[in-house]
């Protein structure tokens, strides 16, 4: 087996404008979103990562997506943000990964679903975890706050949905959003207190 060119692992969180629970997750994703399109914001924290001999530990990145009503039909808008604290070599390495040039899940997304790639930006990324609550903020581009939907069966644990086709993880914690906003890559969305959809999970990618 060939050696891996790159690998990333850490934590991911997401919010989209769909009503809870996003139909894409349980329809693989063949069912229609609950509104005219699906605008999804995904933020990733890399706990361990490398591209060749370039360490990517501790960096963050985000993916901004807008699909038509049925996500599997493709024709997505797609933009990427990389942690501005990355050095020059790290920026080049992570840009190749998240934009899909270096293989793995981002390339699968680009090759099969994206028709309008809107580039890579470098900005500060905040990624906060407090119990079941998660929040992310990229000044001038996006912000969201989600909270895991608590299960009554296990204290402190959210509900999960398993065996999904989601690129971050097959098993996702279910969450609802207190706030979901994007104003970047030509997209605009502002939801406050709507209880719209969210997810979070560990992630591990490689190619």
C-alpha atoms as a PDB file:
ATOM      1  CA  UNK A   1       0.000   0.000   0.000  1.00  0.00           C
ATOM      2  CA  UNK A   2       1.317   3.442  -0.937  1.00  0.00           C
ATOM      3  CA  UNK A   3       2.244   5.840   1.837  1.00  0.00           C
ATOM      4  CA  UNK A   4      -0.276   8.554   2.632  1.00  0.00           C
ATOM      5  CA  UNK A   5       0.590  11.958   1.200  1.00  0.00           C
ATOM      6  CA  UNK A   6      -1.402  13.757   3.869  1.00  0.00           C
ATOM      7  CA  UNK A   7      -3.607  13.031   6.891  1.00  0.00           C
ATOM      8  CA  UNK A   8      -5.765  15.107   9.219  1.00  0.00           C
ATOM      9  CA  UNK A   9      -7.711  14.247  12.356  1.00  0.00           C
ATOM     10  CA  UNK A  10      -9.553  16.330  14.911  1.00  0.00           C
ATOM     11  CA  UNK A  11     -13.028  17.747  15.492  1.00  0.00           C
ATOM     12  CA  UNK A  12     -15.690  19.108  13.139  1.00  0.00           C
ATOM     13  CA  UNK A  13     -18.901  21.112  13.598  1.00  0.00           C
ATOM     14  CA  UNK A  14     -21.570  22.243  11.172  1.00  0.00           C
ATOM     15  CA  UNK A  15     -24.764  24.195  10.803  1.00  0.00           C
ATOM     16  CA  UNK A  16     -27.042  24.502   7.791  1.00  0.00           C
ATOM     17  CA  UNK A  17     -30.240  26.371   7.035  1.00  0.00           C
ATOM     18  CA  UNK A  18     -32.370  23.199   6.897  1.00  0.00           C
ATOM     19  CA  UNK A  19     -34.949  22.616   9.592  1.00  0.00           C
ATOM     20  CA  UNK A  20     -33.838  20.034  12.185  1.00  0.00           C
ATOM     21  CA  UNK A  21     -33.233  17.222  11.186  1.00  0.00           C
ATOM     22  CA  UNK A  22     -31.641  17.953   7.786  1.00  0.00           C
ATOM     23  CA  UNK A  23     -33.210  15.547   5.245  1.00  0.00           C
ATOM     24  CA  UNK A  24     -29.888  15.163   3.413  1.00  0.00           C
ATOM     25  CA  UNK A  25     -28.561  13.022   6.265  1.00  0.00           C
ATOM     26  CA  UNK A  26     -31.252  10.348   6.240  1.00  0.00           C
ATOM     27  CA  UNK A  27     -31.915  10.329   2.460  1.00  0.00           C
ATOM     28  CA  UNK A  28     -28.311   9.731   1.301  1.00  0.00           C
ATOM     29  CA  UNK A  29     -28.741  12.784   0.268  1.00  0.00           C
ATOM     30  CA  UNK A  30     -31.495  12.284  -2.293  1.00  0.00           C
ATOM     31  CA  UNK A  31     -34.362  14.039  -0.509  1.00  0.00           C
ATOM     32  CA  UNK A  32     -35.137  17.744  -0.885  1.00  0.00           C
ATOM     33  CA  UNK A  33     -33.819  20.236   1.634  1.00  0.00           C
ATOM     34  CA  UNK A  34     -36.470  21.958   3.707  1.00  0.00           C
ATOM     35  CA  UNK A  35     -35.934  25.266   1.865  1.00  0.00           C
ATOM     36  CA  UNK A  36     -35.065  26.272  -1.695  1.00  0.00           C
ATOM     37  CA  UNK A  37     -31.391  25.457  -1.198  1.00  0.00           C
ATOM     38  CA  UNK A  38     -29.067  24.090   1.460  1.00  0.00           C
ATOM     39  CA  UNK A  39     -26.428  26.476   2.779  1.00  0.00           C
ATOM     40  CA  UNK A  40     -23.997  24.596   5.010  1.00  0.00           C
ATOM     41  CA  UNK A  41     -21.099  25.892   7.117  1.00  0.00           C
ATOM     42  CA  UNK A  42     -18.512  23.330   8.238  1.00  0.00           C
ATOM     43  CA  UNK A  43     -15.574  24.166  10.502  1.00  0.00           C
ATOM     44  CA  UNK A  44     -12.737  21.748  11.302  1.00  0.00           C
ATOM     45  CA  UNK A  45     -10.079  21.805  14.028  1.00  0.00           C
ATOM     46  CA  UNK A  46      -6.969  19.779  13.208  1.00  0.00           C
ATOM     47  CA  UNK A  47      -5.545  18.156  16.309  1.00  0.00           C
ATOM     48  CA  UNK A  48      -3.008  16.090  14.364  1.00  0.00           C
ATOM     49  CA  UNK A  49      -2.156  16.645  10.730  1.00  0.00           C
ATOM     50  CA  UNK A  50       0.576  16.675   8.127  1.00  0.00           C
ATOM     51  CA  UNK A  51       1.100  17.098   4.411  1.00  0.00           C
ATOM     52  CA  UNK A  52       4.400  15.418   3.592  1.00  0.00           C
ATOM     53  CA  UNK A  53       6.796  16.771   6.200  1.00  0.00           C
ATOM     54  CA  UNK A  54       4.714  19.911   6.878  1.00  0.00           C
ATOM     55  CA  UNK A  55       2.945  19.740  10.261  1.00  0.00           C
ATOM     56  CA  UNK A  56      -0.653  20.998  10.327  1.00  0.00           C
ATOM     57  CA  UNK A  57      -1.267  20.369  14.039  1.00  0.00           C
ATOM     58  CA  UNK A  58      -3.496  22.936  15.714  1.00  0.00           C
ATOM     59  CA  UNK A  59      -4.737  24.666  12.557  1.00  0.00           C
ATOM     60  CA  UNK A  60      -8.355  25.110  11.493  1.00  0.00           C
ATOM     61  CA  UNK A  61     -10.258  25.373   8.224  1.00  0.00           C
ATOM     62  CA  UNK A  62     -13.819  25.848   7.055  1.00  0.00           C
ATOM     63  CA  UNK A  63     -15.926  24.867   4.064  1.00  0.00           C
ATOM     64  CA  UNK A  64     -18.893  26.939   2.885  1.00  0.00           C
ATOM     65  CA  UNK A  65     -21.378  25.194   0.603  1.00  0.00           C
ATOM     66  CA  UNK A  66     -24.607  26.094  -1.127  1.00  0.00           C
ATOM     67  CA  UNK A  67     -26.413  23.349  -3.013  1.00  0.00           C
ATOM     68  CA  UNK A  68     -29.655  23.209  -4.906  1.00  0.00           C
ATOM     69  CA  UNK A  69     -32.632  21.725  -3.106  1.00  0.00           C
ATOM     70  CA  UNK A  70     -31.411  18.151  -3.669  1.00  0.00           C
ATOM     71  CA  UNK A  71     -27.750  18.037  -2.650  1.00  0.00           C
ATOM     72  CA  UNK A  72     -26.943  14.929  -4.690  1.00  0.00           C
ATOM     73  CA  UNK A  73     -27.818  16.795  -7.886  1.00  0.00           C
ATOM     74  CA  UNK A  74     -24.584  18.767  -7.538  1.00  0.00           C
ATOM     75  CA  UNK A  75     -24.090  22.255  -8.986  1.00  0.00           C
ATOM     76  CA  UNK A  76     -22.723  23.445  -5.631  1.00  0.00           C
ATOM     77  CA  UNK A  77     -21.132  26.752  -4.729  1.00  0.00           C
ATOM     78  CA  UNK A  78     -18.012  25.937  -2.691  1.00  0.00           C
ATOM     79  CA  UNK A  79     -15.559  28.147  -0.798  1.00  0.00           C
ATOM     80  CA  UNK A  80     -12.734  27.453   1.672  1.00  0.00           C
ATOM     81  CA  UNK A  81     -11.233  29.395   4.576  1.00  0.00           C
ATOM     82  CA  UNK A  82      -7.886  28.535   6.162  1.00  0.00           C
ATOM     83  CA  UNK A  83      -6.581  29.634   9.550  1.00  0.00           C
ATOM     84  CA  UNK A  84      -4.557  32.802   9.009  1.00  0.00           C
ATOM     85  CA  UNK A  85      -2.087  31.718  11.695  1.00  0.00           C
ATOM     86  CA  UNK A  86      -0.724  29.101   9.261  1.00  0.00           C
ATOM     87  CA  UNK A  87       2.791  29.735   7.929  1.00  0.00           C
ATOM     88  CA  UNK A  88       3.483  29.924   4.214  1.00  0.00           C
ATOM     89  CA  UNK A  89       4.245  26.215   3.761  1.00  0.00           C
ATOM     90  CA  UNK A  90       1.232  25.291   5.886  1.00  0.00           C
ATOM     91  CA  UNK A  91      -1.006  27.577   3.843  1.00  0.00           C
ATOM     92  CA  UNK A  92       0.076  25.950   0.610  1.00  0.00           C
ATOM     93  CA  UNK A  93      -0.345  22.441   2.020  1.00  0.00           C
ATOM     94  CA  UNK A  94      -3.740  23.037   3.589  1.00  0.00           C
ATOM     95  CA  UNK A  95      -5.035  24.953   0.565  1.00  0.00           C
ATOM     96  CA  UNK A  96      -4.203  21.971  -1.645  1.00  0.00           C
ATOM     97  CA  UNK A  97      -6.056  19.644   0.732  1.00  0.00           C
ATOM     98  CA  UNK A  98      -9.231  21.613   1.424  1.00  0.00           C
ATOM     99  CA  UNK A  99      -9.670  22.837  -2.160  1.00  0.00           C
ATOM    100  CA  UNK A 100      -9.582  19.247  -3.410  1.00  0.00           C
ATOM    101  CA  UNK A 101      -6.286  19.346  -5.296  1.00  0.00           C
ATOM    102  CA  UNK A 102      -4.623  16.765  -3.038  1.00  0.00           C
ATOM    103  CA  UNK A 103      -7.255  14.004  -3.068  1.00  0.00           C
ATOM    104  CA  UNK A 104      -9.380  12.616  -0.253  1.00  0.00           C
ATOM    105  CA  UNK A 105     -12.911  13.775   0.696  1.00  0.00           C
ATOM    106  CA  UNK A 106     -12.466  17.388  -0.518  1.00  0.00           C
ATOM    107  CA  UNK A 107     -11.498  16.147  -3.986  1.00  0.00           C
ATOM    108  CA  UNK A 108     -14.539  13.864  -4.023  1.00  0.00           C
ATOM    109  CA  UNK A 109     -16.713  16.896  -3.283  1.00  0.00           C
ATOM    110  CA  UNK A 110     -15.034  19.071  -5.939  1.00  0.00           C
ATOM    111  CA  UNK A 111     -15.017  16.426  -8.661  1.00  0.00           C
ATOM    112  CA  UNK A 112     -18.580  15.195  -8.211  1.00  0.00           C
ATOM    113  CA  UNK A 113     -20.670  18.034  -6.813  1.00  0.00           C
ATOM    114  CA  UNK A 114     -19.114  21.485  -7.290  1.00  0.00           C
ATOM    115  CA  UNK A 115     -19.732  23.678 -10.326  1.00  0.00           C
ATOM    116  CA  UNK A 116     -18.778  27.054  -8.826  1.00  0.00           C
ATOM    117  CA  UNK A 117     -15.549  27.066  -6.788  1.00  0.00           C
ATOM    118  CA  UNK A 118     -15.094  30.476  -5.147  1.00  0.00           C
ATOM    119  CA  UNK A 119     -11.559  30.085  -3.887  1.00  0.00           C
ATOM    120  CA  UNK A 120      -9.541  29.953  -0.695  1.00  0.00           C
ATOM    121  CA  UNK A 121      -9.337  32.756   1.878  1.00  0.00           C
ATOM    122  CA  UNK A 122      -7.118  33.149   4.966  1.00  0.00           C
ATOM    123  CA  UNK A 123      -8.799  34.487   8.092  1.00  0.00           C
ATOM    124  CA  UNK A 124      -8.843  33.974  11.875  1.00  0.00           C
ATOM    125  CA  UNK A 125     -11.046  31.033  12.877  1.00  0.00           C
ATOM    126  CA  UNK A 126     -12.524  30.572  16.372  1.00  0.00           C
ATOM    127  CA  UNK A 127     -13.620  27.047  17.335  1.00  0.00           C
ATOM    128  CA  UNK A 128     -15.180  26.688  20.800  1.00  0.00           C
ATOM    129  CA  UNK A 129     -16.397  23.555  22.608  1.00  0.00           C
ATOM    130  CA  UNK A 130     -18.289  23.697  25.935  1.00  0.00           C
ATOM    131  CA  UNK A 131     -20.092  20.463  26.809  1.00  0.00           C
ATOM    132  CA  UNK A 132     -22.865  19.950  24.262  1.00  0.00           C
ATOM    133  CA  UNK A 133     -22.402  23.467  22.911  1.00  0.00           C
ATOM    134  CA  UNK A 134     -20.246  24.306  19.923  1.00  0.00           C
ATOM    135  CA  UNK A 135     -19.576  27.638  18.241  1.00  0.00           C
ATOM    136  CA  UNK A 136     -17.482  28.884  15.357  1.00  0.00           C
ATOM    137  CA  UNK A 137     -16.702  32.355  14.071  1.00  0.00           C
ATOM    138  CA  UNK A 138     -14.755  33.730  11.134  1.00  0.00           C
ATOM    139  CA  UNK A 139     -14.979  37.547  11.176  1.00  0.00           C
ATOM    140  CA  UNK A 140     -16.622  38.925   8.076  1.00  0.00           C
ATOM    141  CA  UNK A 141     -17.566  35.489   6.712  1.00  0.00           C
ATOM    142  CA  UNK A 142     -19.544  33.225   9.038  1.00  0.00           C
ATOM    143  CA  UNK A 143     -20.662  32.480  12.579  1.00  0.00           C
ATOM    144  CA  UNK A 144     -22.813  29.800  14.145  1.00  0.00           C
ATOM    145  CA  UNK A 145     -23.747  28.398  17.547  1.00  0.00           C
ATOM    146  CA  UNK A 146     -25.154  24.891  17.954  1.00  0.00           C
ATOM    147  CA  UNK A 147     -26.093  22.683  20.896  1.00  0.00           C
ATOM    148  CA  UNK A 148     -26.276  18.896  20.892  1.00  0.00           C
ATOM    149  CA  UNK A 149     -29.774  17.498  21.334  1.00  0.00           C
ATOM    150  CA  UNK A 150     -29.436  15.767  24.709  1.00  0.00           C
ATOM    151  CA  UNK A 151     -30.455  12.135  25.056  1.00  0.00           C
ATOM    152  CA  UNK A 152     -32.401  11.195  28.178  1.00  0.00           C
ATOM    153  CA  UNK A 153     -30.751   7.766  28.177  1.00  0.00           C
ATOM    154  CA  UNK A 154     -27.167   8.842  28.916  1.00  0.00           C
ATOM    155  CA  UNK A 155     -26.404  11.960  30.905  1.00  0.00           C
ATOM    156  CA  UNK A 156     -24.350  14.470  28.983  1.00  0.00           C
ATOM    157  CA  UNK A 157     -24.621  12.597  25.681  1.00  0.00           C
ATOM    158  CA  UNK A 158     -26.413  13.852  22.548  1.00  0.00           C
ATOM    159  CA  UNK A 159     -28.500  11.821  20.155  1.00  0.00           C
ATOM    160  CA  UNK A 160     -26.449  10.324  17.309  1.00  0.00           C
ATOM    161  CA  UNK A 161     -27.265   9.201  13.790  1.00  0.00           C
ATOM    162  CA  UNK A 162     -25.069   6.406  12.467  1.00  0.00           C
ATOM    163  CA  UNK A 163     -23.952   4.929   9.132  1.00  0.00           C
ATOM    164  CA  UNK A 164     -24.440   8.184   7.221  1.00  0.00           C
ATOM    165  CA  UNK A 165     -22.790   9.201   3.946  1.00  0.00           C
ATOM    166  CA  UNK A 166     -21.482  12.452   5.440  1.00  0.00           C
ATOM    167  CA  UNK A 167     -17.855  13.219   4.474  1.00  0.00           C
ATOM    168  CA  UNK A 168     -16.823  14.226   8.012  1.00  0.00           C
ATOM    169  CA  UNK A 169     -17.905  11.059   9.808  1.00  0.00           C
ATOM    170  CA  UNK A 170     -20.386   8.232   9.395  1.00  0.00           C
ATOM    171  CA  UNK A 171     -21.613   8.886  12.976  1.00  0.00           C
ATOM    172  CA  UNK A 172     -22.839  12.398  13.760  1.00  0.00           C
ATOM    173  CA  UNK A 173     -24.057  14.042  16.946  1.00  0.00           C
ATOM    174  CA  UNK A 174     -27.361  15.804  16.316  1.00  0.00           C
ATOM    175  CA  UNK A 175     -27.615  19.469  17.226  1.00  0.00           C
ATOM    176  CA  UNK A 176     -29.814  22.511  16.803  1.00  0.00           C
ATOM    177  CA  UNK A 177     -28.621  26.011  16.046  1.00  0.00           C
ATOM    178  CA  UNK A 178     -29.141  29.162  18.049  1.00  0.00           C
ATOM    179  CA  UNK A 179     -27.539  31.244  15.312  1.00  0.00           C
ATOM    180  CA  UNK A 180     -26.355  30.616  11.746  1.00  0.00           C
ATOM    181  CA  UNK A 181     -24.882  33.427   9.673  1.00  0.00           C
ATOM    182  CA  UNK A 182     -22.814  33.695   6.509  1.00  0.00           C
ATOM    183  CA  UNK A 183     -21.792  36.782   4.536  1.00  0.00           C
ATOM    184  CA  UNK A 184     -19.027  35.628   2.235  1.00  0.00           C
ATOM    185  CA  UNK A 185     -18.276  34.003  -1.115  1.00  0.00           C
ATOM    186  CA  UNK A 186     -21.298  35.864  -2.509  1.00  0.00           C
ATOM    187  CA  UNK A 187     -23.659  34.144  -0.051  1.00  0.00           C
ATOM    188  CA  UNK A 188     -25.869  35.768   2.566  1.00  0.00           C
ATOM    189  CA  UNK A 189     -27.838  34.091   5.366  1.00  0.00           C
ATOM    190  CA  UNK A 190     -28.869  35.163   8.858  1.00  0.00           C
ATOM    191  CA  UNK A 191     -30.879  32.899  11.150  1.00  0.00           C
ATOM    192  CA  UNK A 192     -31.395  33.671  14.835  1.00  0.00           C
ATOM    193  CA  UNK A 193     -33.203  31.390  17.282  1.00  0.00           C
ATOM    194  CA  UNK A 194     -34.713  29.177  14.569  1.00  0.00           C
ATOM    195  CA  UNK A 195     -33.470  25.848  15.924  1.00  0.00           C
ATOM    196  CA  UNK A 196     -32.203  24.914  12.477  1.00  0.00           C
ATOM    197  CA  UNK A 197     -29.940  21.952  11.866  1.00  0.00           C
ATOM    198  CA  UNK A 198     -26.479  21.224  13.255  1.00  0.00           C
ATOM    199  CA  UNK A 199     -24.008  18.341  13.640  1.00  0.00           C
ATOM    200  CA  UNK A 200     -20.634  17.642  15.202  1.00  0.00           C
ATOM    201  CA  UNK A 201     -18.208  14.718  15.269  1.00  0.00           C
ATOM    202  CA  UNK A 202     -14.559  13.723  15.246  1.00  0.00           C
ATOM    203  CA  UNK A 203     -13.110  13.537  11.726  1.00  0.00           C
ATOM    204  CA  UNK A 204     -10.170  11.722  10.141  1.00  0.00           C
ATOM    205  CA  UNK A 205      -9.171  12.232   6.499  1.00  0.00           C
ATOM    206  CA  UNK A 206      -6.215  11.030   4.480  1.00  0.00           C
ATOM    207  CA  UNK A 207      -5.018  10.514   0.914  1.00  0.00           C
END
